[in-house]
Amino acid sequence: MPHPRRLLPAALLAAGLFAPPAAQAQDPSFRVNNRTGNVINEVYVSSSNDNAWGSDRLGANVLSPGQSLTIRLPQAQCMNDIRIVFANGQTHERRRVDTCQITDYDMR
């Protein structure tokens, strides 16, 4: 019979209480998909811990209807705030988005 200590990690894994290091490393990067009929002029994504939006992720570019933009974020920066500015001046803001749990952020 295996030693009881060797059974513990397997039992924790089966119970969902223990995950190997590779499973704990989550990727916070995601795609912004413009599924609206409006052009997006600016995209900001910053850690929810920051007080400032940082720089516009589009720079001199725009995100036309049907286009996507991949947002690359530092590993383990899962809680983020997202701000979208449309060409018509309207804005969309969402706070505390767990981007480690999504692959796409659809603007509709």
PDB file of N, CA and C in Angstrom:
ATOM      1  N   MET A   1       0.840  -1.181   0.000  1.00  0.00           N
ATOM      2  CA  MET A   1       0.000   0.000   0.000  1.00  0.00           C
ATOM      3  C   MET A   1       0.887   1.248   0.000  1.00  0.00           C
ATOM      4  N   PRO A   2       0.551   2.297  -0.833  1.00  0.00           N
ATOM      5  CA  PRO A   2       1.362   3.505  -0.874  1.00  0.00           C
ATOM      6  C   PRO A   2       1.337   4.226   0.465  1.00  0.00           C
ATOM      7  N   HIS A   3       2.404   4.946   0.716  1.00  0.00           N
ATOM      8  CA  HIS A   3       2.507   5.733   1.930  1.00  0.00           C
ATOM      9  C   HIS A   3       1.406   6.803   1.917  1.00  0.00           C
ATOM     10  N   PRO A   4       0.737   7.079   3.056  1.00  0.00           N
ATOM     11  CA  PRO A   4      -0.378   8.038   3.085  1.00  0.00           C
ATOM     12  C   PRO A   4      -0.016   9.430   2.567  1.00  0.00           C
ATOM     13  N   ARG A   5       1.223   9.887   2.777  1.00  0.00           N
ATOM     14  CA  ARG A   5       1.618  11.209   2.284  1.00  0.00           C
ATOM     15  C   ARG A   5       1.624  11.266   0.764  1.00  0.00           C
ATOM     16  N   ARG A   6       1.887  10.161   0.116  1.00  0.00           N
ATOM     17  CA  ARG A   6       1.883  10.141  -1.347  1.00  0.00           C
ATOM     18  C   ARG A   6       0.468  10.199  -1.900  1.00  0.00           C
ATOM     19  N   LEU A   7      -0.489   9.794  -1.118  1.00  0.00           N
ATOM     20  CA  LEU A   7      -1.878   9.836  -1.538  1.00  0.00           C
ATOM     21  C   LEU A   7      -2.480  11.236  -1.398  1.00  0.00           C
ATOM     22  N   LEU A   8      -1.941  12.053  -0.514  1.00  0.00           N
ATOM     23  CA  LEU A   8      -2.507  13.361  -0.224  1.00  0.00           C
ATOM     24  C   LEU A   8      -2.600  14.263  -1.459  1.00  0.00           C
ATOM     25  N   PRO A   9      -1.519  14.490  -2.243  1.00  0.00           N
ATOM     26  CA  PRO A   9      -1.668  15.356  -3.430  1.00  0.00           C
ATOM     27  C   PRO A   9      -2.716  14.840  -4.410  1.00  0.00           C
ATOM     28  N   ALA A  10      -2.778  13.535  -4.616  1.00  0.00           N
ATOM     29  CA  ALA A  10      -3.773  12.978  -5.530  1.00  0.00           C
ATOM     30  C   ALA A  10      -5.185  13.209  -4.997  1.00  0.00           C
ATOM     31  N   ALA A  11      -5.354  13.060  -3.679  1.00  0.00           N
ATOM     32  CA  ALA A  11      -6.672  13.277  -3.082  1.00  0.00           C
ATOM     33  C   ALA A  11      -7.064  14.755  -3.172  1.00  0.00           C
ATOM     34  N   LEU A  12      -6.115  15.667  -2.933  1.00  0.00           N
ATOM     35  CA  LEU A  12      -6.405  17.098  -3.039  1.00  0.00           C
ATOM     36  C   LEU A  12      -6.717  17.486  -4.475  1.00  0.00           C
ATOM     37  N   LEU A  13      -5.972  16.934  -5.422  1.00  0.00           N
ATOM     38  CA  LEU A  13      -6.216  17.216  -6.831  1.00  0.00           C
ATOM     39  C   LEU A  13      -7.605  16.740  -7.239  1.00  0.00           C
ATOM     40  N   ALA A  14      -7.977  15.551  -6.795  1.00  0.00           N
ATOM     41  CA  ALA A  14      -9.298  15.009  -7.114  1.00  0.00           C
ATOM     42  C   ALA A  14     -10.402  15.858  -6.498  1.00  0.00           C
ATOM     43  N   ALA A  15     -10.126  16.448  -5.343  1.00  0.00           N
ATOM     44  CA  ALA A  15     -11.122  17.282  -4.674  1.00  0.00           C
ATOM     45  C   ALA A  15     -11.137  18.705  -5.215  1.00  0.00           C
ATOM     46  N   GLY A  16     -10.180  19.019  -6.099  1.00  0.00           N
ATOM     47  CA  GLY A  16     -10.116  20.359  -6.673  1.00  0.00           C
ATOM     48  C   GLY A  16      -9.476  21.375  -5.748  1.00  0.00           C
ATOM     49  N   LEU A  17      -8.792  20.929  -4.706  1.00  0.00           N
ATOM     50  CA  LEU A  17      -8.180  21.835  -3.736  1.00  0.00           C
ATOM     51  C   LEU A  17      -6.711  22.113  -4.031  1.00  0.00           C
ATOM     52  N   PHE A  18      -6.110  21.376  -4.902  1.00  0.00           N
ATOM     53  CA  PHE A  18      -4.694  21.519  -5.208  1.00  0.00           C
ATOM     54  C   PHE A  18      -4.529  21.468  -6.717  1.00  0.00           C
ATOM     55  N   ALA A  19      -3.783  22.396  -7.234  1.00  0.00           N
ATOM     56  CA  ALA A  19      -3.512  22.385  -8.671  1.00  0.00           C
ATOM     57  C   ALA A  19      -2.016  22.460  -8.875  1.00  0.00           C
ATOM     58  N   PRO A  20      -1.489  21.722  -9.819  1.00  0.00           N
ATOM     59  CA  PRO A  20      -0.061  21.805 -10.082  1.00  0.00           C
ATOM     60  C   PRO A  20       0.304  23.212 -10.547  1.00  0.00           C
ATOM     61  N   PRO A  21       1.565  23.634 -10.396  1.00  0.00           N
ATOM     62  CA  PRO A  21       1.965  24.993 -10.755  1.00  0.00           C
ATOM     63  C   PRO A  21       1.583  25.410 -12.174  1.00  0.00           C
ATOM     64  N   ALA A  22       1.649  24.526 -13.132  1.00  0.00           N
ATOM     65  CA  ALA A  22       1.300  24.884 -14.513  1.00  0.00           C
ATOM     66  C   ALA A  22      -0.172  25.275 -14.626  1.00  0.00           C
ATOM     67  N   ALA A  23      -1.034  24.640 -13.860  1.00  0.00           N
ATOM     68  CA  ALA A  23      -2.461  24.952 -13.929  1.00  0.00           C
ATOM     69  C   ALA A  23      -2.773  26.262 -13.207  1.00  0.00           C
ATOM     70  N   GLN A  24      -1.929  26.645 -12.243  1.00  0.00           N
ATOM     71  CA  GLN A  24      -2.164  27.879 -11.508  1.00  0.00           C
ATOM     72  C   GLN A  24      -1.802  29.107 -12.339  1.00  0.00           C
ATOM     73  N   ALA A  25      -0.851  28.984 -13.246  1.00  0.00           N
ATOM     74  CA  ALA A  25      -0.430  30.105 -14.078  1.00  0.00           C
ATOM     75  C   ALA A  25      -1.507  30.356 -15.123  1.00  0.00           C
ATOM     76  N   GLN A  26      -2.213  31.466 -14.956  1.00  0.00           N
ATOM     77  CA  GLN A  26      -3.302  31.790 -15.868  1.00  0.00           C
ATOM     78  C   GLN A  26      -2.884  32.956 -16.753  1.00  0.00           C
ATOM     79  N   ASP A  27      -3.333  32.943 -17.985  1.00  0.00           N
ATOM     80  CA  ASP A  27      -3.004  33.979 -18.944  1.00  0.00           C
ATOM     81  C   ASP A  27      -4.092  35.046 -18.924  1.00  0.00           C
ATOM     82  N   PRO A  28      -3.753  36.287 -18.545  1.00  0.00           N
ATOM     83  CA  PRO A  28      -4.750  37.350 -18.492  1.00  0.00           C
ATOM     84  C   PRO A  28      -4.983  38.040 -19.838  1.00  0.00           C
ATOM     85  N   SER A  29      -4.230  37.658 -20.870  1.00  0.00           N
ATOM     86  CA  SER A  29      -4.382  38.285 -22.185  1.00  0.00           C
ATOM     87  C   SER A  29      -5.707  37.876 -22.815  1.00  0.00           C
ATOM     88  N   PHE A  30      -6.271  38.760 -23.645  1.00  0.00           N
ATOM     89  CA  PHE A  30      -7.575  38.500 -24.254  1.00  0.00           C
ATOM     90  C   PHE A  30      -7.720  39.335 -25.516  1.00  0.00           C
ATOM     91  N   ARG A  31      -8.783  39.077 -26.279  1.00  0.00           N
ATOM     92  CA  ARG A  31      -9.098  39.832 -27.501  1.00  0.00           C
ATOM     93  C   ARG A  31     -10.300  40.729 -27.266  1.00  0.00           C
ATOM     94  N   VAL A  32     -10.201  41.974 -27.748  1.00  0.00           N
ATOM     95  CA  VAL A  32     -11.349  42.874 -27.800  1.00  0.00           C
ATOM     96  C   VAL A  32     -11.910  42.750 -29.203  1.00  0.00           C
ATOM     97  N   ASN A  33     -13.173  42.364 -29.314  1.00  0.00           N
ATOM     98  CA  ASN A  33     -13.832  42.191 -30.612  1.00  0.00           C
ATOM     99  C   ASN A  33     -14.868  43.295 -30.794  1.00  0.00           C
ATOM    100  N   ASN A  34     -14.720  44.066 -31.865  1.00  0.00           N
ATOM    101  CA  ASN A  34     -15.681  45.124 -32.145  1.00  0.00           C
ATOM    102  C   ASN A  34     -16.832  44.540 -32.954  1.00  0.00           C
ATOM    103  N   ARG A  35     -17.915  44.214 -32.277  1.00  0.00           N
ATOM    104  CA  ARG A  35     -19.101  43.649 -32.913  1.00  0.00           C
ATOM    105  C   ARG A  35     -20.216  44.696 -32.991  1.00  0.00           C
ATOM    106  N   THR A  36     -19.807  45.972 -32.912  1.00  0.00           N
ATOM    107  CA  THR A  36     -20.769  47.062 -33.030  1.00  0.00           C
ATOM    108  C   THR A  36     -20.714  47.603 -34.459  1.00  0.00           C
ATOM    109  N   GLY A  37     -21.545  48.562 -34.751  1.00  0.00           N
ATOM    110  CA  GLY A  37     -21.499  49.241 -36.041  1.00  0.00           C
ATOM    111  C   GLY A  37     -20.681  50.511 -35.981  1.00  0.00           C
ATOM    112  N   ASN A  38     -19.985  50.728 -34.862  1.00  0.00           N
ATOM    113  CA  ASN A  38     -19.218  51.954 -34.652  1.00  0.00           C
ATOM    114  C   ASN A  38     -17.723  51.677 -34.590  1.00  0.00           C
ATOM    115  N   VAL A  39     -16.945  52.653 -35.010  1.00  0.00           N
ATOM    116  CA  VAL A  39     -15.486  52.568 -34.918  1.00  0.00           C
ATOM    117  C   VAL A  39     -15.070  52.830 -33.475  1.00  0.00           C
ATOM    118  N   ILE A  40     -14.115  52.042 -32.994  1.00  0.00           N
ATOM    119  CA  ILE A  40     -13.530  52.257 -31.675  1.00  0.00           C
ATOM    120  C   ILE A  40     -12.234  53.033 -31.873  1.00  0.00           C
ATOM    121  N   ASN A  41     -12.117  54.179 -31.205  1.00  0.00           N
ATOM    122  CA  ASN A  41     -10.924  55.026 -31.334  1.00  0.00           C
ATOM    123  C   ASN A  41      -9.864  54.736 -30.283  1.00  0.00           C
ATOM    124  N   GLU A  42     -10.292  54.306 -29.090  1.00  0.00           N
ATOM    125  CA  GLU A  42      -9.348  54.097 -27.994  1.00  0.00           C
ATOM    126  C   GLU A  42      -9.739  52.872 -27.178  1.00  0.00           C
ATOM    127  N   VAL A  43      -8.718  52.139 -26.720  1.00  0.00           N
ATOM    128  CA  VAL A  43      -8.917  50.991 -25.833  1.00  0.00           C
ATOM    129  C   VAL A  43      -7.900  51.109 -24.705  1.00  0.00           C
ATOM    130  N   TYR A  44      -8.394  51.119 -23.483  1.00  0.00           N
ATOM    131  CA  TYR A  44      -7.532  51.172 -22.307  1.00  0.00           C
ATOM    132  C   TYR A  44      -7.782  49.945 -21.457  1.00  0.00           C
ATOM    133  N   VAL A  45      -6.715  49.337 -20.975  1.00  0.00           N
ATOM    134  CA  VAL A  45      -6.825  48.221 -20.043  1.00  0.00           C
ATOM    135  C   VAL A  45      -5.732  48.426 -19.007  1.00  0.00           C
ATOM    136  N   SER A  46      -6.137  48.475 -17.750  1.00  0.00           N
ATOM    137  CA  SER A  46      -5.160  48.637 -16.677  1.00  0.00           C
ATOM    138  C   SER A  46      -5.547  47.746 -15.505  1.00  0.00           C
ATOM    139  N   SER A  47      -4.560  47.448 -14.693  1.00  0.00           N
ATOM    140  CA  SER A  47      -4.814  46.668 -13.489  1.00  0.00           C
ATOM    141  C   SER A  47      -5.839  47.394 -12.625  1.00  0.00           C
ATOM    142  N   SER A  48      -6.729  46.656 -12.014  1.00  0.00           N
ATOM    143  CA  SER A  48      -7.732  47.252 -11.129  1.00  0.00           C
ATOM    144  C   SER A  48      -7.083  47.932  -9.936  1.00  0.00           C
ATOM    145  N   ASN A  49      -5.825  47.630  -9.667  1.00  0.00           N
ATOM    146  CA  ASN A  49      -5.093  48.261  -8.567  1.00  0.00           C
ATOM    147  C   ASN A  49      -4.544  49.630  -8.950  1.00  0.00           C
ATOM    148  N   ASP A  50      -4.518  49.964 -10.242  1.00  0.00           N
ATOM    149  CA  ASP A  50      -3.988  51.243 -10.714  1.00  0.00           C
ATOM    150  C   ASP A  50      -5.080  52.301 -10.708  1.00  0.00           C
ATOM    151  N   ASN A  51      -4.681  53.539 -10.462  1.00  0.00           N
ATOM    152  CA  ASN A  51      -5.622  54.654 -10.485  1.00  0.00           C
ATOM    153  C   ASN A  51      -5.686  55.328 -11.842  1.00  0.00           C
ATOM    154  N   ALA A  52      -4.760  55.009 -12.739  1.00  0.00           N
ATOM    155  CA  ALA A  52      -4.706  55.637 -14.064  1.00  0.00           C
ATOM    156  C   ALA A  52      -4.967  54.586 -15.142  1.00  0.00           C
ATOM    157  N   TRP A  53      -5.513  55.038 -16.277  1.00  0.00           N
ATOM    158  CA  TRP A  53      -5.814  54.128 -17.382  1.00  0.00           C
ATOM    159  C   TRP A  53      -4.569  53.696 -18.136  1.00  0.00           C
ATOM    160  N   GLY A  54      -3.535  54.491 -18.123  1.00  0.00           N
ATOM    161  CA  GLY A  54      -2.350  54.164 -18.918  1.00  0.00           C
ATOM    162  C   GLY A  54      -2.548  54.621 -20.346  1.00  0.00           C
ATOM    163  N   SER A  55      -1.765  54.060 -21.257  1.00  0.00           N
ATOM    164  CA  SER A  55      -1.813  54.512 -22.647  1.00  0.00           C
ATOM    165  C   SER A  55      -2.887  53.772 -23.447  1.00  0.00           C
ATOM    166  N   ASP A  56      -3.321  54.433 -24.498  1.00  0.00           N
ATOM    167  CA  ASP A  56      -4.299  53.874 -25.427  1.00  0.00           C
ATOM    168  C   ASP A  56      -3.647  52.698 -26.152  1.00  0.00           C
ATOM    169  N   ARG A  57      -4.246  51.524 -26.071  1.00  0.00           N
ATOM    170  CA  ARG A  57      -3.689  50.310 -26.682  1.00  0.00           C
ATOM    171  C   ARG A  57      -3.751  50.340 -28.210  1.00  0.00           C
ATOM    172  N   LEU A  58      -4.579  51.204 -28.772  1.00  0.00           N
ATOM    173  CA  LEU A  58      -4.681  51.305 -30.236  1.00  0.00           C
ATOM    174  C   LEU A  58      -3.653  52.273 -30.828  1.00  0.00           C
ATOM    175  N   GLY A  59      -3.165  53.187 -30.015  1.00  0.00           N
ATOM    176  CA  GLY A  59      -2.225  54.179 -30.536  1.00  0.00           C
ATOM    177  C   GLY A  59      -2.878  55.009 -31.624  1.00  0.00           C
ATOM    178  N   ALA A  60      -2.243  55.096 -32.783  1.00  0.00           N
ATOM    179  CA  ALA A  60      -2.776  55.884 -33.905  1.00  0.00           C
ATOM    180  C   ALA A  60      -3.810  55.096 -34.716  1.00  0.00           C
ATOM    181  N   ASN A  61      -4.025  53.829 -34.382  1.00  0.00           N
ATOM    182  CA  ASN A  61      -4.964  52.976 -35.124  1.00  0.00           C
ATOM    183  C   ASN A  61      -6.378  53.094 -34.560  1.00  0.00           C
ATOM    184  N   VAL A  62      -7.332  52.554 -35.288  1.00  0.00           N
ATOM    185  CA  VAL A  62      -8.714  52.422 -34.827  1.00  0.00           C
ATOM    186  C   VAL A  62      -9.125  50.966 -34.982  1.00  0.00           C
ATOM    187  N   LEU A  63     -10.208  50.603 -34.322  1.00  0.00           N
ATOM    188  CA  LEU A  63     -10.748  49.250 -34.423  1.00  0.00           C
ATOM    189  C   LEU A  63     -12.107  49.353 -35.105  1.00  0.00           C
ATOM    190  N   SER A  64     -12.125  49.054 -36.378  1.00  0.00           N
ATOM    191  CA  SER A  64     -13.357  49.149 -37.168  1.00  0.00           C
ATOM    192  C   SER A  64     -14.301  48.006 -36.828  1.00  0.00           C
ATOM    193  N   PRO A  65     -15.594  48.159 -37.157  1.00  0.00           N
ATOM    194  CA  PRO A  65     -16.541  47.066 -36.930  1.00  0.00           C
ATOM    195  C   PRO A  65     -16.024  45.766 -37.567  1.00  0.00           C
ATOM    196  N   GLY A  66     -16.107  44.682 -36.798  1.00  0.00           N
ATOM    197  CA  GLY A  66     -15.658  43.377 -37.272  1.00  0.00           C
ATOM    198  C   GLY A  66     -14.200  43.083 -36.973  1.00  0.00           C
ATOM    199  N   GLN A  67     -13.426  44.061 -36.538  1.00  0.00           N
ATOM    200  CA  GLN A  67     -12.011  43.840 -36.244  1.00  0.00           C
ATOM    201  C   GLN A  67     -11.804  43.461 -34.781  1.00  0.00           C
ATOM    202  N   SER A  68     -10.627  42.887 -34.494  1.00  0.00           N
ATOM    203  CA  SER A  68     -10.256  42.476 -33.143  1.00  0.00           C
ATOM    204  C   SER A  68      -8.876  43.013 -32.795  1.00  0.00           C
ATOM    205  N   LEU A  69      -8.637  43.166 -31.513  1.00  0.00           N
ATOM    206  CA  LEU A  69      -7.346  43.602 -30.995  1.00  0.00           C
ATOM    207  C   LEU A  69      -6.970  42.681 -29.852  1.00  0.00           C
ATOM    208  N   THR A  70      -5.764  42.108 -29.898  1.00  0.00           N
ATOM    209  CA  THR A  70      -5.287  41.269 -28.806  1.00  0.00           C
ATOM    210  C   THR A  70      -4.595  42.147 -27.775  1.00  0.00           C
ATOM    211  N   ILE A  71      -5.015  42.009 -26.535  1.00  0.00           N
ATOM    212  CA  ILE A  71      -4.439  42.744 -25.412  1.00  0.00           C
ATOM    213  C   ILE A  71      -3.525  41.778 -24.660  1.00  0.00           C
ATOM    214  N   ARG A  72      -2.249  42.096 -24.612  1.00  0.00           N
ATOM    215  CA  ARG A  72      -1.276  41.274 -23.884  1.00  0.00           C
ATOM    216  C   ARG A  72      -1.027  41.918 -22.520  1.00  0.00           C
ATOM    217  N   LEU A  73      -1.174  41.112 -21.478  1.00  0.00           N
ATOM    218  CA  LEU A  73      -1.008  41.599 -20.116  1.00  0.00           C
ATOM    219  C   LEU A  73       0.019  40.756 -19.374  1.00  0.00           C
ATOM    220  N   PRO A  74       0.642  41.333 -18.334  1.00  0.00           N
ATOM    221  CA  PRO A  74       1.613  40.569 -17.544  1.00  0.00           C
ATOM    222  C   PRO A  74       0.961  39.355 -16.870  1.00  0.00           C
ATOM    223  N   GLN A  75       1.714  38.284 -16.797  1.00  0.00           N
ATOM    224  CA  GLN A  75       1.237  37.058 -16.156  1.00  0.00           C
ATOM    225  C   GLN A  75       0.708  37.378 -14.755  1.00  0.00           C
ATOM    226  N   ALA A  76      -0.411  36.808 -14.406  1.00  0.00           N
ATOM    227  CA  ALA A  76      -1.054  36.906 -13.088  1.00  0.00           C
ATOM    228  C   ALA A  76      -1.734  38.256 -12.837  1.00  0.00           C
ATOM    229  N   GLN A  77      -1.789  39.141 -13.825  1.00  0.00           N
ATOM    230  CA  GLN A  77      -2.548  40.398 -13.670  1.00  0.00           C
ATOM    231  C   GLN A  77      -3.974  40.130 -14.122  1.00  0.00           C
ATOM    232  N   CYS A  78      -4.735  39.446 -13.287  1.00  0.00           N
ATOM    233  CA  CYS A  78      -6.059  38.961 -13.689  1.00  0.00           C
ATOM    234  C   CYS A  78      -7.182  39.981 -13.532  1.00  0.00           C
ATOM    235  N   MET A  79      -7.121  40.847 -12.521  1.00  0.00           N
ATOM    236  CA  MET A  79      -8.194  41.823 -12.294  1.00  0.00           C
ATOM    237  C   MET A  79      -7.857  43.124 -13.016  1.00  0.00           C
ATOM    238  N   ASN A  80      -8.649  43.434 -14.030  1.00  0.00           N
ATOM    239  CA  ASN A  80      -8.371  44.593 -14.871  1.00  0.00           C
ATOM    240  C   ASN A  80      -9.612  45.425 -15.106  1.00  0.00           C
ATOM    241  N   ASP A  81      -9.368  46.716 -15.355  1.00  0.00           N
ATOM    242  CA  ASP A  81     -10.416  47.644 -15.742  1.00  0.00           C
ATOM    243  C   ASP A  81     -10.282  47.895 -17.243  1.00  0.00           C
ATOM    244  N   ILE A  82     -11.410  47.989 -17.934  1.00  0.00           N
ATOM    245  CA  ILE A  82     -11.425  48.159 -19.390  1.00  0.00           C
ATOM    246  C   ILE A  82     -12.225  49.405 -19.732  1.00  0.00           C
ATOM    247  N   ARG A  83     -11.657  50.239 -20.605  1.00  0.00           N
ATOM    248  CA  ARG A  83     -12.343  51.445 -21.077  1.00  0.00           C
ATOM    249  C   ARG A  83     -12.237  51.501 -22.593  1.00  0.00           C
ATOM    250  N   ILE A  84     -13.392  51.630 -23.247  1.00  0.00           N
ATOM    251  CA  ILE A  84     -13.483  51.709 -24.709  1.00  0.00           C
ATOM    252  C   ILE A  84     -14.064  53.082 -25.062  1.00  0.00           C
ATOM    253  N   VAL A  85     -13.435  53.779 -26.013  1.00  0.00           N
ATOM    254  CA  VAL A  85     -13.941  55.068 -26.474  1.00  0.00           C
ATOM    255  C   VAL A  85     -14.265  54.944 -27.964  1.00  0.00           C
ATOM    256  N   PHE A  86     -15.522  55.214 -28.306  1.00  0.00           N
ATOM    257  CA  PHE A  86     -15.979  55.124 -29.692  1.00  0.00           C
ATOM    258  C   PHE A  86     -15.732  56.447 -30.421  1.00  0.00           C
ATOM    259  N   ALA A  87     -15.737  56.391 -31.743  1.00  0.00           N
ATOM    260  CA  ALA A  87     -15.516  57.567 -32.582  1.00  0.00           C
ATOM    261  C   ALA A  87     -16.559  58.645 -32.327  1.00  0.00           C
ATOM    262  N   ASN A  88     -17.756  58.248 -31.921  1.00  0.00           N
ATOM    263  CA  ASN A  88     -18.829  59.225 -31.664  1.00  0.00           C
ATOM    264  C   ASN A  88     -18.745  59.830 -30.259  1.00  0.00           C
ATOM    265  N   GLY A  89     -17.710  59.469 -29.497  1.00  0.00           N
ATOM    266  CA  GLY A  89     -17.505  60.036 -28.168  1.00  0.00           C
ATOM    267  C   GLY A  89     -18.077  59.212 -27.035  1.00  0.00           C
ATOM    268  N   GLN A  90     -18.925  58.240 -27.334  1.00  0.00           N
ATOM    269  CA  GLN A  90     -19.481  57.385 -26.279  1.00  0.00           C
ATOM    270  C   GLN A  90     -18.366  56.544 -25.665  1.00  0.00           C
ATOM    271  N   THR A  91     -18.514  56.243 -24.383  1.00  0.00           N
ATOM    272  CA  THR A  91     -17.533  55.402 -23.707  1.00  0.00           C
ATOM    273  C   THR A  91     -18.211  54.202 -23.062  1.00  0.00           C
ATOM    274  N   HIS A  92     -17.441  53.158 -22.896  1.00  0.00           N
ATOM    275  CA  HIS A  92     -17.877  51.938 -22.216  1.00  0.00           C
ATOM    276  C   HIS A  92     -16.784  51.618 -21.201  1.00  0.00           C
ATOM    277  N   GLU A  93     -17.159  51.475 -19.932  1.00  0.00           N
ATOM    278  CA  GLU A  93     -16.192  51.127 -18.900  1.00  0.00           C
ATOM    279  C   GLU A  93     -16.699  49.952 -18.090  1.00  0.00           C
ATOM    280  N   ARG A  94     -15.784  49.059 -17.793  1.00  0.00           N
ATOM    281  CA  ARG A  94     -16.101  47.932 -16.922  1.00  0.00           C
ATOM    282  C   ARG A  94     -14.956  47.740 -15.957  1.00  0.00           C
ATOM    283  N   ARG A  95     -15.270  47.651 -14.685  1.00  0.00           N
ATOM    284  CA  ARG A  95     -14.251  47.520 -13.632  1.00  0.00           C
ATOM    285  C   ARG A  95     -14.170  46.085 -13.136  1.00  0.00           C
ATOM    286  N   ARG A  96     -12.976  45.734 -12.687  1.00  0.00           N
ATOM    287  CA  ARG A  96     -12.700  44.441 -12.052  1.00  0.00           C
ATOM    288  C   ARG A  96     -13.128  43.248 -12.914  1.00  0.00           C
ATOM    289  N   VAL A  97     -12.675  43.242 -14.141  1.00  0.00           N
ATOM    290  CA  VAL A  97     -12.933  42.127 -15.050  1.00  0.00           C
ATOM    291  C   VAL A  97     -11.820  41.102 -14.824  1.00  0.00           C
ATOM    292  N   ASP A  98     -12.186  39.864 -14.531  1.00  0.00           N
ATOM    293  CA  ASP A  98     -11.188  38.801 -14.365  1.00  0.00           C
ATOM    294  C   ASP A  98     -10.822  38.289 -15.753  1.00  0.00           C
ATOM    295  N   THR A  99      -9.792  38.892 -16.328  1.00  0.00           N
ATOM    296  CA  THR A  99      -9.419  38.545 -17.702  1.00  0.00           C
ATOM    297  C   THR A  99      -8.721  37.190 -17.796  1.00  0.00           C
ATOM    298  N   CYS A 100      -8.374  36.594 -16.664  1.00  0.00           N
ATOM    299  CA  CYS A 100      -7.838  35.226 -16.703  1.00  0.00           C
ATOM    300  C   CYS A 100      -8.943  34.214 -16.999  1.00  0.00           C
ATOM    301  N   GLN A 101     -10.191  34.641 -16.866  1.00  0.00           N
ATOM    302  CA  GLN A 101     -11.329  33.751 -17.089  1.00  0.00           C
ATOM    303  C   GLN A 101     -11.977  33.930 -18.457  1.00  0.00           C
ATOM    304  N   ILE A 102     -11.449  34.853 -19.272  1.00  0.00           N
ATOM    305  CA  ILE A 102     -12.038  35.083 -20.603  1.00  0.00           C
ATOM    306  C   ILE A 102     -10.956  35.016 -21.679  1.00  0.00           C
ATOM    307  N   THR A 103     -11.356  34.748 -22.881  1.00  0.00           N
ATOM    308  CA  THR A 103     -10.445  34.829 -24.026  1.00  0.00           C
ATOM    309  C   THR A 103     -10.866  35.944 -24.953  1.00  0.00           C
ATOM    310  N   ASP A 104     -12.151  36.334 -24.903  1.00  0.00           N
ATOM    311  CA  ASP A 104     -12.680  37.390 -25.759  1.00  0.00           C
ATOM    312  C   ASP A 104     -13.540  38.340 -24.952  1.00  0.00           C
ATOM    313  N   TYR A 105     -13.466  39.624 -25.320  1.00  0.00           N
ATOM    314  CA  TYR A 105     -14.295  40.656 -24.738  1.00  0.00           C
ATOM    315  C   TYR A 105     -15.043  41.275 -25.913  1.00  0.00           C
ATOM    316  N   ASP A 106     -16.316  40.921 -26.075  1.00  0.00           N
ATOM    317  CA  ASP A 106     -17.103  41.357 -27.223  1.00  0.00           C
ATOM    318  C   ASP A 106     -17.840  42.649 -26.944  1.00  0.00           C
ATOM    319  N   MET A 107     -17.587  43.628 -27.784  1.00  0.00           N
ATOM    320  CA  MET A 107     -18.340  44.873 -27.736  1.00  0.00           C
ATOM    321  C   MET A 107     -19.511  44.718 -28.697  1.00  0.00           C
ATOM    322  N   ARG A 108     -20.728  44.817 -28.188  1.00  0.00           N
ATOM    323  CA  ARG A 108     -21.937  44.664 -28.989  1.00  0.00           C
ATOM    324  C   ARG A 108     -22.771  45.921 -28.919  1.00  0.00           C
TER     325      ARG A 108
END
